[in-house]
């Protein structure tokens, strides 16, 4: 590698590695030796690359540890958000199930989108908090402002209106007892459910799965994320069963003793 050349896609990979080590693994910093080992996967002269990262104001070295500089942290947040939002988009909307393909496509995605596209995707997905692998998605400005320019297709259960339907995607609660309770009554990723009733004064939310109804506390419902069926609400409003009564004849005062002709109608 020429000494004056920097591959920014690989720089992103290094910053992503630092984020995983520091944030996901709950560490304060990364030992210099660990980061140099990671850089050696891409470059033959890791010390020179680390020096350039410092000059670019992406990282700082404090004693024998590497920490994020402000500029590097901002870049790492963008890369991590883009990657994990891409995973949610591909899994929840495009319905990719192969983890290897999911990871590969998300890696390509994270280097190619700008902040505006990232915010639009985040809003579309309902500002998800975790990726499909359970890692946190750093919130962006759109999450803090609760942007509503795009109608989300993925919402928490308590955001659905009465009559709306959706497919359960994932939970965000870290309480095992709560999750086991939900799964024991059939609320699992992939199940179709409908909001049957919402009690006033922040009361329980009644959902329906097949022919069974369950009442959930709003504090639990907010941790259940579903992909909303785009026509669910319209079906409830417009798909009314209408059975015509057939032609009306003049009212008869006497009882009709003959054989009536039956009328058959197909109900869509």
Protein backbone atom coordinates (compact mmCIF):
# COMPACT_ATOMS: atom_id res chain seq x y z
CA UNK A 1 0.00 0.00 0.00
CA UNK A 2 1.43 3.40 -0.91
CA UNK A 3 2.15 5.46 2.19
CA UNK A 4 -0.11 8.29 1.02
CA UNK A 5 -3.10 6.05 0.23
CA UNK A 6 -6.04 5.44 2.56
CA UNK A 7 -8.85 3.00 1.78
CA UNK A 8 -11.81 4.57 3.53
CA UNK A 9 -13.91 1.40 3.42
CA UNK A 10 -11.22 -0.36 5.44
CA UNK A 11 -10.95 2.63 7.78
CA UNK A 12 -14.67 2.19 8.39
CA UNK A 13 -14.08 -1.48 9.20
CA UNK A 14 -11.42 -0.53 11.75
CA UNK A 15 -13.71 2.04 13.38
CA UNK A 16 -16.51 -0.52 13.41
CA UNK A 17 -14.19 -2.99 15.17
CA UNK A 18 -13.40 -0.34 17.80
CA UNK A 19 -17.10 0.35 18.35
CA UNK A 20 -17.84 -3.35 18.90
CA UNK A 21 -14.93 -3.66 21.33
CA UNK A 22 -15.77 -0.51 23.30
CA UNK A 23 -19.57 -0.21 23.17
CA UNK A 24 -20.95 -3.70 22.50
CA UNK A 25 -18.48 -5.35 24.86
CA UNK A 26 -18.79 -2.51 27.38
CA UNK A 27 -15.11 -1.54 27.49
CA UNK A 28 -13.65 1.94 27.88
CA UNK A 29 -10.95 1.56 25.24
CA UNK A 30 -8.99 -0.85 23.04
CA UNK A 31 -5.42 -1.89 23.82
CA UNK A 32 -3.01 -0.68 21.13
CA UNK A 33 -1.75 -4.24 20.58
CA UNK A 34 -5.30 -5.52 19.89
CA UNK A 35 -6.02 -2.76 17.39
CA UNK A 36 -2.69 -3.25 15.60
CA UNK A 37 -3.52 -6.95 15.22
CA UNK A 38 -6.86 -6.02 13.67
CA UNK A 39 -5.24 -3.49 11.29
CA UNK A 40 -2.76 -6.14 10.13
CA UNK A 41 -5.68 -7.99 8.50
CA UNK A 42 -5.78 -5.17 5.94
CA UNK A 43 -2.35 -3.46 5.97
CA UNK A 44 1.23 -4.66 6.29
CA UNK A 45 2.29 -1.56 8.25
CA UNK A 46 -0.31 -1.17 11.04
CA UNK A 47 1.73 1.37 13.02
CA UNK A 48 1.70 3.77 10.06
CA UNK A 49 -2.07 3.35 9.64
CA UNK A 50 -2.66 3.98 13.34
CA UNK A 51 -0.59 7.14 13.07
CA UNK A 52 -2.70 8.31 10.13
CA UNK A 53 -5.89 7.62 12.08
CA UNK A 54 -4.57 9.98 14.75
CA UNK A 55 -3.72 12.66 12.18
CA UNK A 56 -7.22 12.31 10.71
CA UNK A 57 -8.54 12.95 14.24
CA UNK A 58 -10.40 9.65 14.34
CA UNK A 59 -8.61 8.21 17.38
CA UNK A 60 -6.38 9.19 20.28
CA UNK A 61 -3.78 7.12 22.08
CA UNK A 62 -3.84 7.38 25.86
CA UNK A 63 -0.96 5.45 27.40
CA UNK A 64 -1.24 1.98 25.82
CA UNK A 65 -4.90 2.29 24.82
CA UNK A 66 -6.80 3.66 21.81
CA UNK A 67 -9.98 5.70 22.30
CA UNK A 68 -12.32 7.47 19.90
CA UNK A 69 -11.78 11.12 19.06
CA UNK A 70 -15.04 12.99 18.46
CA UNK A 71 -14.74 12.84 14.67
CA UNK A 72 -14.00 9.11 14.75
CA UNK A 73 -16.90 8.42 17.08
CA UNK A 74 -19.31 10.23 14.76
CA UNK A 75 -18.04 8.23 11.79
CA UNK A 76 -18.28 4.96 13.73
CA UNK A 77 -21.88 5.72 14.73
CA UNK A 78 -22.81 6.31 11.09
CA UNK A 79 -21.17 3.04 9.98
CA UNK A 80 -22.73 0.98 12.78
CA UNK A 81 -26.19 2.55 12.29
CA UNK A 82 -26.08 2.01 8.53
CA UNK A 83 -24.97 -1.60 8.91
CA UNK A 84 -27.55 -2.56 11.52
CA UNK A 85 -30.40 -0.65 9.87
CA UNK A 86 -29.52 -2.50 6.65
CA UNK A 87 -29.79 -5.79 8.52
CA UNK A 88 -33.22 -4.84 9.85
CA UNK A 89 -34.35 -3.67 6.41
CA UNK A 90 -33.17 -6.84 4.66
CA UNK A 91 -34.58 -9.19 7.30
CA UNK A 92 -37.87 -7.48 8.20
CA UNK A 93 -38.87 -5.94 4.87
CA UNK A 94 -37.05 -7.90 2.15
CA UNK A 95 -37.33 -11.08 4.25
CA UNK A 96 -33.72 -12.29 3.89
CA UNK A 97 -33.18 -15.27 6.18
CA UNK A 98 -29.62 -16.30 5.31
CA UNK A 99 -27.30 -14.70 7.88
CA UNK A 100 -24.26 -14.90 5.60
CA UNK A 101 -26.00 -13.01 2.78
CA UNK A 102 -27.51 -10.61 5.30
CA UNK A 103 -24.07 -9.74 6.70
CA UNK A 104 -22.46 -9.40 3.28
CA UNK A 105 -25.14 -7.10 1.90
CA UNK A 106 -25.19 -4.99 5.08
CA UNK A 107 -21.40 -4.56 4.84
CA UNK A 108 -21.78 -3.20 1.31
CA UNK A 109 -24.67 -1.01 2.37
CA UNK A 110 -22.90 0.70 5.26
CA UNK A 111 -20.31 2.37 3.01
CA UNK A 112 -22.69 3.70 0.36
CA UNK A 113 -25.51 5.66 1.99
CA UNK A 114 -25.53 9.20 3.33
CA UNK A 115 -27.20 10.60 6.42
CA UNK A 116 -30.48 11.49 4.68
CA UNK A 117 -31.00 7.96 3.33
CA UNK A 118 -30.04 6.51 6.70
CA UNK A 119 -32.65 8.69 8.44
CA UNK A 120 -35.35 7.79 5.90
CA UNK A 121 -34.73 4.06 6.37
CA UNK A 122 -34.69 4.43 10.16
CA UNK A 123 -38.01 6.27 10.07
CA UNK A 124 -39.53 3.70 7.71
CA UNK A 125 -38.54 0.93 10.11
CA UNK A 126 -40.02 2.75 13.10
CA UNK A 127 -36.66 3.73 14.66
CA UNK A 128 -35.60 0.21 15.70
CA UNK A 129 -33.43 -0.09 18.80
CA UNK A 130 -31.71 -3.43 18.12
CA UNK A 131 -30.38 -5.29 15.09
CA UNK A 132 -31.48 -8.88 14.25
CA UNK A 133 -28.52 -10.17 16.29
CA UNK A 134 -29.57 -8.30 19.43
CA UNK A 135 -26.99 -5.48 19.33
CA UNK A 136 -28.05 -1.88 19.96
CA UNK A 137 -28.58 0.47 17.01
CA UNK A 138 -27.23 3.90 17.99
CA UNK A 139 -30.04 6.49 17.82
CA UNK A 140 -29.75 9.23 15.22
CA UNK A 141 -31.21 12.74 15.00
CA UNK A 142 -34.36 11.31 13.39
CA UNK A 143 -34.95 9.09 16.44
CA UNK A 144 -34.56 11.99 18.86
CA UNK A 145 -36.87 14.20 16.81
CA UNK A 146 -39.36 11.34 16.21
CA UNK A 147 -39.52 12.22 12.53
CA UNK A 148 -42.85 11.50 10.82
CA UNK A 149 -42.22 12.44 7.20
CA UNK A 150 -42.46 8.76 6.22
CA UNK A 151 -45.15 6.52 7.67
CA UNK A 152 -43.35 3.67 9.44
CA UNK A 153 -44.18 0.14 8.34
CA UNK A 154 -42.65 -1.28 11.50
CA UNK A 155 -44.07 -0.10 14.81
CA UNK A 156 -44.19 -1.13 18.42
CA UNK A 157 -47.42 -2.91 19.26
CA UNK A 158 -48.76 -0.07 21.41
CA UNK A 159 -48.53 2.30 18.40
CA UNK A 160 -51.01 0.28 16.34
CA UNK A 161 -54.60 1.48 16.12
CA UNK A 162 -57.56 -0.76 16.92
CA UNK A 163 -58.14 -3.04 13.94
CA UNK A 164 -54.59 -2.83 12.60
CA UNK A 165 -52.82 -6.11 11.94
CA UNK A 166 -49.19 -7.06 11.63
CA UNK A 167 -46.53 -9.77 11.81
CA UNK A 168 -44.48 -9.94 14.99
CA UNK A 169 -40.80 -9.33 14.22
CA UNK A 170 -38.81 -9.04 17.44
CA UNK A 171 -38.77 -8.01 21.09
CA UNK A 172 -36.61 -5.36 22.73
CA UNK A 173 -37.09 -6.34 26.36
CA UNK A 174 -34.15 -7.94 28.15
CA UNK A 175 -36.35 -9.51 30.84
CA UNK A 176 -36.25 -13.27 30.31
CA UNK A 177 -39.35 -13.91 32.42
CA UNK A 178 -41.36 -11.45 30.31
CA UNK A 179 -40.13 -12.95 27.05
CA UNK A 180 -40.89 -16.52 28.17
CA UNK A 181 -44.39 -15.46 29.15
CA UNK A 182 -45.03 -13.94 25.72
CA UNK A 183 -43.70 -16.99 23.90
CA UNK A 184 -45.72 -19.34 26.10
CA UNK A 185 -48.98 -17.73 24.90
CA UNK A 186 -47.91 -17.77 21.25
CA UNK A 187 -46.51 -14.26 20.78
CA UNK A 188 -43.37 -15.17 18.85
CA UNK A 189 -41.58 -13.69 15.81
CA UNK A 190 -43.55 -14.53 12.68
CA UNK A 191 -47.00 -14.77 14.24
CA UNK A 192 -49.82 -12.63 12.82
CA UNK A 193 -51.75 -10.57 15.36
CA UNK A 194 -54.40 -7.87 15.43
CA UNK A 195 -55.15 -5.13 17.94
CA UNK A 196 -58.69 -5.90 19.06
CA UNK A 197 -59.18 -3.24 21.74
CA UNK A 198 -57.25 -0.55 23.63
CA UNK A 199 -58.54 0.21 27.09
CA UNK A 200 -58.71 3.90 28.13
CA UNK A 201 -56.46 5.59 30.68
CA UNK A 202 -53.38 3.63 29.61
CA UNK A 203 -55.15 0.35 30.29
CA UNK A 204 -54.38 -3.06 28.76
CA UNK A 205 -54.12 -3.61 25.01
CA UNK A 206 -56.20 -6.57 23.84
CA UNK A 207 -54.68 -8.42 20.89
CA UNK A 208 -56.04 -11.32 18.90
CA UNK A 209 -54.07 -14.29 17.54
CA UNK A 210 -56.26 -16.60 15.46
CA UNK A 211 -59.39 -16.90 17.60
CA UNK A 212 -57.74 -16.22 20.96
CA UNK A 213 -57.47 -12.84 22.66
CA UNK A 214 -54.87 -11.70 25.17
CA UNK A 215 -54.61 -8.55 27.28
CA UNK A 216 -51.14 -7.00 27.47
CA UNK A 217 -49.90 -4.21 29.68
CA UNK A 218 -48.72 -1.19 27.58
CA UNK A 219 -45.27 -1.46 29.18
CA UNK A 220 -44.96 -4.92 27.61
CA UNK A 221 -46.64 -4.05 24.30
CA UNK A 222 -44.14 -1.25 23.64
CA UNK A 223 -41.33 -3.85 23.50
CA UNK A 224 -43.05 -5.91 20.78
CA UNK A 225 -42.31 -4.74 17.23
CA UNK A 226 -44.47 -5.74 14.29
CA UNK A 227 -44.54 -5.15 10.56
CA UNK A 228 -47.89 -3.53 9.88
CA UNK A 229 -50.08 -5.01 7.15
CA UNK A 230 -50.63 -2.15 4.71
CA UNK A 231 -54.25 -3.13 4.06
CA UNK A 232 -55.18 -4.30 7.54
CA UNK A 233 -57.08 -1.19 8.56
CA UNK A 234 -58.82 -0.80 5.18
CA UNK A 235 -60.05 -4.37 5.33
CA UNK A 236 -61.62 -3.73 8.70
CA UNK A 237 -63.37 -0.60 7.47
CA UNK A 238 -64.35 -1.58 3.95
CA UNK A 239 -64.62 -5.35 3.78
CA UNK A 240 -68.09 -5.46 5.30
CA UNK A 241 -70.22 -8.50 4.68
CA UNK A 242 -73.24 -7.48 2.69
CA UNK A 243 -75.96 -10.04 2.02
CA UNK A 244 -78.61 -8.77 -0.37
CA UNK A 245 -82.13 -9.81 0.46
CA UNK A 246 -83.29 -10.31 -3.10
CA UNK A 247 -86.02 -8.47 -4.95
CA UNK A 248 -88.82 -7.07 -2.85
CA UNK A 249 -92.37 -7.71 -3.92
CA UNK A 250 -95.59 -6.08 -2.74
CA UNK A 251 -96.51 -6.82 0.83
CA UNK A 252 -99.05 -9.59 1.15
CA UNK A 253 -101.63 -9.62 3.83
CA UNK A 254 -102.20 -13.35 3.56
CA UNK A 255 -99.64 -16.05 4.23
CA UNK A 256 -97.87 -17.30 1.14
CA UNK A 257 -98.50 -21.03 0.81
CA UNK A 258 -96.50 -21.73 -2.34
CA UNK A 259 -92.89 -22.77 -2.68
CA UNK A 260 -90.45 -19.85 -2.61
CA UNK A 261 -87.51 -19.70 -4.98
CA UNK A 262 -84.21 -19.48 -3.14
CA UNK A 263 -81.63 -16.81 -4.03
CA UNK A 264 -77.90 -17.65 -3.79
CA UNK A 265 -75.16 -15.00 -3.59
CA UNK A 266 -71.42 -15.31 -3.61
CA UNK A 267 -69.84 -13.33 -0.79
CA UNK A 268 -66.28 -12.23 -1.59
